[in-house]
Each structure stands twice: as C-alpha cells, then as structure tokens.
C-alpha cells in the first residue's frame, strides 16, 4: 500500500534531492507522484496530519506541487499508474493553476454566544432577534471580506470550521500578492477583534478547482 502526498510535473526537474526515505518519487506518464509505502492506511490523528503537512512543506520548498487529500492510498504501482492515467489531465491543469501560488487562511470569529440573556433581553424572542442580527452582520462581514480579497485572489473557498465560532476563508494567492493581501486584511480588521491571517501555506485547499 502507498500513501499519496502530492503530484508534480515530470518536467519539474530532478526529484532526488527532494525526498528522504521512506518518501518515494514515482514517475508515471507526464507526472511525478510522491508516495510513501505503508503497511496500512494512516489514521486521521493529529500526529499523522502534522507529519503529512511537514512532508508537503518540504516538497513545496523545492518544486510546485499539487497536494493530494490526506489519506488517499493505492495498493501498488499498477493501481497508481492507472490512477495517473485517469487523472493526468485534471492534475496537470491544477498544477498549472497552483504553480507560483500560496494559500492563506483568514479566521473570522462568529459573534460570541451568550448562554444567559443579557439584562435588556426580557424574553427568548429578544435573544433570538439579537442572535439573528449578529449572524446577519457576520454574513455581511464575510461577503465584505470576499470582495476585499477578490482583486488579489485567484480562487477563494470557505473551509469547514475546526474551532467553534470561527469561520475560515481560504485564499489562493499569487506569491507576489501574498503580503499585499495580508496587509489589506489587517487594515480591514483594525476595528474587528481577533481576525487572524495564517500562511502562506502550500495550496492544501485547492486540490480541485473551486468557484471564486
């Protein structure tokens, strides 16, 4: 069994210096797929996820790569070659889309939930109206943030939340626009508490094309 990490073009150059055992570079058709032999599929644990991310960072520092979803495995090289044959066109297009780009993530806190009604809320209806207004404001801020980032971004996507009450917007940015975009978000967030930008990262969230 082999765990799949990332794909690069075969024309990206020598792969020998990029990989440390047990990572391997498997060339197939016009692509190089970075894989790790495994006795069994990886668990979705923090340790495994962090290790997967570290390998992708190492590869990304050498050559443009298209990260593959964590946990993707094939049984052997024959199955890998078959997969490449099926996905070569799609992967080649996505490699072109992410080459010269990095991912940044904007963390936008949702309005804080208050378990008790505040003093000026006399009924449950008052509480629900306030919550609805807060969530409407958050939706408006998210739309405003998308509009702000649109001139910098090649692609935008909303990510699932990993922390309660924090929404995440991921942005695929040309490398030369990363700092401009980060500064634009910092300026926009001056009057907003706890808005945070992380990255630049390899384009983890853009394995597949997303709508902007």
Protein backbone atom coordinates (compact mmCIF):
# COMPACT_ATOMS: atom_id res chain seq x y z
CA UNK A 1 0.00 0.00 0.00
CA UNK A 2 1.17 3.54 -0.75
CA UNK A 3 0.07 6.81 0.82
CA UNK A 4 -0.17 9.62 -1.76
CA UNK A 5 1.20 13.05 -0.87
CA UNK A 6 1.44 15.26 -3.93
CA UNK A 7 1.82 15.47 -7.68
CA UNK A 8 4.31 17.49 -9.75
CA UNK A 9 5.08 17.64 -13.43
CA UNK A 10 7.77 15.27 -14.64
CA UNK A 11 9.44 18.34 -16.17
CA UNK A 12 9.90 19.88 -12.71
CA UNK A 13 13.48 18.64 -12.59
CA UNK A 14 15.43 16.10 -10.59
CA UNK A 15 13.50 14.75 -7.63
CA UNK A 16 16.39 13.02 -5.89
CA UNK A 17 17.18 15.89 -3.54
CA UNK A 18 13.53 16.46 -2.62
CA UNK A 19 12.74 13.19 -0.95
CA UNK A 20 14.04 11.47 2.15
CA UNK A 21 13.17 7.82 2.82
CA UNK A 22 10.58 6.45 3.16
CA UNK A 23 9.16 9.01 0.70
CA UNK A 24 9.50 7.98 -2.93
CA UNK A 25 9.07 9.79 -6.26
CA UNK A 26 7.15 7.69 -8.76
CA UNK A 27 7.19 8.88 -12.37
CA UNK A 28 4.19 7.98 -14.49
CA UNK A 29 3.27 9.42 -17.87
CA UNK A 30 3.91 13.18 -17.61
CA UNK A 31 3.74 13.40 -13.82
CA UNK A 32 5.73 12.63 -10.68
CA UNK A 33 3.70 11.35 -7.73
CA UNK A 34 5.23 11.48 -4.26
CA UNK A 35 4.28 8.43 -2.22
CA UNK A 36 5.17 6.60 0.98
CA UNK A 37 4.97 2.81 1.28
CA UNK A 38 2.70 1.85 4.18
CA UNK A 39 1.63 -1.40 5.75
CA UNK A 40 -1.82 0.11 6.40
CA UNK A 41 -3.77 3.30 5.77
CA UNK A 42 -2.95 6.23 8.09
CA UNK A 43 -5.19 7.14 10.98
CA UNK A 44 -6.75 10.58 10.94
CA UNK A 45 -4.80 11.68 14.01
CA UNK A 46 -3.08 14.95 14.86
CA UNK A 47 0.31 13.26 14.62
CA UNK A 48 -0.40 11.85 11.16
CA UNK A 49 -1.89 15.10 9.87
CA UNK A 50 1.05 17.17 11.08
CA UNK A 51 3.52 14.71 9.60
CA UNK A 52 1.68 14.83 6.28
CA UNK A 53 1.81 18.62 6.33
CA UNK A 54 5.55 18.66 7.07
CA UNK A 55 6.27 16.45 4.06
CA UNK A 56 4.21 18.70 1.81
CA UNK A 57 6.10 21.76 3.09
CA UNK A 58 9.38 20.05 2.27
CA UNK A 59 8.26 19.21 -1.26
CA UNK A 60 6.74 22.66 -1.81
CA UNK A 61 10.05 24.30 -0.89
CA UNK A 62 11.69 22.56 -3.86
CA UNK A 63 9.10 22.44 -6.62
CA UNK A 64 5.48 23.42 -7.33
CA UNK A 65 3.30 20.54 -6.18
CA UNK A 66 -0.39 19.80 -6.09
CA UNK A 67 -1.16 18.44 -2.60
CA UNK A 68 -3.46 15.43 -2.54
CA UNK A 69 -6.11 14.80 0.07
CA UNK A 70 -4.80 13.28 3.29
CA UNK A 71 -5.49 9.56 3.45
CA UNK A 72 -5.53 8.82 -0.29
CA UNK A 73 -3.90 5.43 -0.86
CA UNK A 74 -3.34 2.94 -3.67
CA UNK A 75 -2.48 -0.73 -3.34
CA UNK A 76 0.56 -0.81 -5.65
CA UNK A 77 2.33 0.89 -8.57
CA UNK A 78 -0.06 -0.66 -11.10
CA UNK A 79 -3.03 0.97 -9.38
CA UNK A 80 -1.06 4.23 -9.12
CA UNK A 81 -0.30 4.20 -12.86
CA UNK A 82 -3.97 3.57 -13.57
CA UNK A 83 -4.94 6.47 -11.32
CA UNK A 84 -2.47 8.77 -13.07
CA UNK A 85 -3.84 7.74 -16.46
CA UNK A 86 -7.36 8.64 -15.28
CA UNK A 87 -6.43 11.92 -13.58
CA UNK A 88 -3.46 13.16 -15.63
CA UNK A 89 -5.35 15.90 -17.46
CA UNK A 90 -7.10 17.18 -14.33
CA UNK A 91 -3.94 17.08 -12.22
CA UNK A 92 -1.86 18.78 -14.91
CA UNK A 93 -4.41 21.62 -15.11
CA UNK A 94 -4.48 22.00 -11.30
CA UNK A 95 -0.67 22.01 -11.07
CA UNK A 96 -0.66 24.87 -13.59
CA UNK A 97 -3.30 26.69 -11.51
CA UNK A 98 -1.38 26.48 -8.22
CA UNK A 99 2.17 26.97 -9.56
CA UNK A 100 3.50 30.27 -8.29
CA UNK A 101 0.68 30.49 -5.73
CA UNK A 102 0.30 30.02 -1.99
CA UNK A 103 -2.66 29.58 0.31
CA UNK A 104 -3.58 31.93 3.14
CA UNK A 105 -6.47 31.41 5.53
CA UNK A 106 -8.49 34.19 7.16
CA UNK A 107 -10.02 33.20 10.51
CA UNK A 108 -13.14 35.26 11.19
CA UNK A 109 -14.75 34.82 14.63
CA UNK A 110 -18.50 34.42 14.75
CA UNK A 111 -20.41 36.53 17.26
CA UNK A 112 -19.83 35.09 20.71
CA UNK A 113 -22.66 33.03 22.08
CA UNK A 114 -24.03 34.22 25.38
CA UNK A 115 -25.69 31.42 27.37
CA UNK A 116 -27.71 33.75 29.55
CA UNK A 117 -29.92 36.51 28.32
CA UNK A 118 -28.39 39.90 28.91
CA UNK A 119 -30.22 42.30 31.17
CA UNK A 120 -32.08 44.14 28.42
CA UNK A 121 -33.42 40.89 26.96
CA UNK A 122 -36.70 40.16 28.65
CA UNK A 123 -37.80 37.19 26.55
CA UNK A 124 -36.46 34.36 24.46
CA UNK A 125 -37.67 36.26 21.41
CA UNK A 126 -35.38 39.17 22.32
CA UNK A 127 -32.43 36.79 22.48
CA UNK A 128 -33.28 35.16 19.15
CA UNK A 129 -33.65 38.54 17.44
CA UNK A 130 -30.25 39.64 18.74
CA UNK A 131 -28.63 36.42 17.60
CA UNK A 132 -30.20 36.73 14.16
CA UNK A 133 -28.89 40.29 13.85
CA UNK A 134 -25.39 39.20 14.90
CA UNK A 135 -25.31 36.35 12.40
CA UNK A 136 -26.61 38.63 9.66
CA UNK A 137 -23.77 41.03 10.47
CA UNK A 138 -21.27 38.16 10.30
CA UNK A 139 -22.59 37.12 6.87
CA UNK A 140 -22.20 40.72 5.71
CA UNK A 141 -18.61 40.83 7.00
CA UNK A 142 -17.79 37.57 5.23
CA UNK A 143 -19.17 38.95 1.96
CA UNK A 144 -17.20 42.16 2.52
CA UNK A 145 -14.04 40.14 3.11
CA UNK A 146 -14.58 38.17 -0.11
CA UNK A 147 -14.98 41.43 -2.02
CA UNK A 148 -11.82 42.81 -0.40
CA UNK A 149 -9.76 39.75 -1.38
CA UNK A 150 -11.16 39.28 -4.89
CA UNK A 151 -8.60 41.58 -6.60
CA UNK A 152 -5.73 39.61 -5.06
CA UNK A 153 -7.10 36.07 -5.21
CA UNK A 154 -7.00 33.51 -7.98
CA UNK A 155 -9.52 31.36 -6.08
CA UNK A 156 -11.48 31.57 -2.82
CA UNK A 157 -13.19 28.87 -0.81
CA UNK A 158 -14.90 28.56 2.57
CA UNK A 159 -13.40 25.85 4.79
CA UNK A 160 -15.13 23.81 7.49
CA UNK A 161 -14.64 25.27 10.96
CA UNK A 162 -12.11 23.50 13.16
CA UNK A 163 -12.68 25.75 16.18
CA UNK A 164 -16.14 26.58 17.50
CA UNK A 165 -17.38 30.01 16.48
CA UNK A 166 -14.58 30.70 13.96
CA UNK A 167 -15.30 30.75 10.22
CA UNK A 168 -12.41 30.18 7.79
CA UNK A 169 -11.97 31.66 4.33
CA UNK A 170 -9.12 30.21 2.26
CA UNK A 171 -7.47 32.23 -0.49
CA UNK A 172 -5.22 31.08 -3.32
CA UNK A 173 -2.83 33.97 -3.96
CA UNK A 174 -0.07 34.61 -6.49
CA UNK A 175 3.15 34.60 -4.46
CA UNK A 176 3.85 38.24 -5.33
CA UNK A 177 0.44 39.30 -3.91
CA UNK A 178 0.58 37.43 -0.59
CA UNK A 179 1.90 40.31 1.51
CA UNK A 180 -0.41 42.85 -0.17
CA UNK A 181 -3.41 40.65 0.60
CA UNK A 182 -2.33 40.05 4.20
CA UNK A 183 -1.88 43.79 4.72
CA UNK A 184 -5.30 44.52 3.20
CA UNK A 185 -6.92 42.08 5.64
CA UNK A 186 -5.00 43.55 8.59
CA UNK A 187 -6.18 47.06 7.65
CA UNK A 188 -9.77 45.82 7.23
CA UNK A 189 -9.63 44.03 10.58
CA UNK A 190 -8.40 47.04 12.58
CA UNK A 191 -11.83 47.58 14.14
CA UNK A 192 -12.65 43.87 14.37
CA UNK A 193 -11.37 41.71 17.21
CA UNK A 194 -9.42 38.51 16.73
CA UNK A 195 -9.45 38.35 12.92
CA UNK A 196 -6.31 36.41 12.01
CA UNK A 197 -4.48 35.50 8.80
CA UNK A 198 -2.32 32.37 8.66
CA UNK A 199 0.04 31.26 5.91
CA UNK A 200 1.40 31.28 3.36
CA UNK A 201 0.98 27.52 3.02
CA UNK A 202 1.16 25.02 0.19
CA UNK A 203 -2.23 25.09 -1.58
CA UNK A 204 -3.78 22.37 0.61
CA UNK A 205 -7.37 23.51 -0.03
CA UNK A 206 -7.09 23.79 -3.80
CA UNK A 207 -6.53 20.18 -4.89
CA UNK A 208 -9.61 20.68 -7.02
CA UNK A 209 -10.87 23.78 -8.77
CA UNK A 210 -13.23 25.87 -6.66
CA UNK A 211 -15.55 28.69 -7.62
CA UNK A 212 -14.38 32.18 -6.74
